[in-house]
């Protein structure tokens, strides 16, 4: 439906648009297959995932794939996000007192 809508409303790019959509599909499939094949995490990748979850950025590069990892991420986020918010408020207070 989206593809048809784009083809109808974009003039002059009827040839390029299908190629771009195919390229986008290939890139998404490659990124998804890479994340599912490589199941071992190194320390920096794990740290990046943890900071992404508690800071609520959520890039979507690393995602949990099974129920246990989804539940673990949920519990981690439930406790990690409020703790991170408190940390940020204390960091703000410390910086503001240093600048005063």
Foldseek 3Di string as FASTA:
>chain_A
DVLVVVCVPDPPCVPPSVVVVVVVVVVVVVLVVVQVVDPDDDPVRVVVVLCCLQVVVCPPSHDDDDDVVVVVSVVSNVPRNVVVVVVVVVVVVVVVVVVD
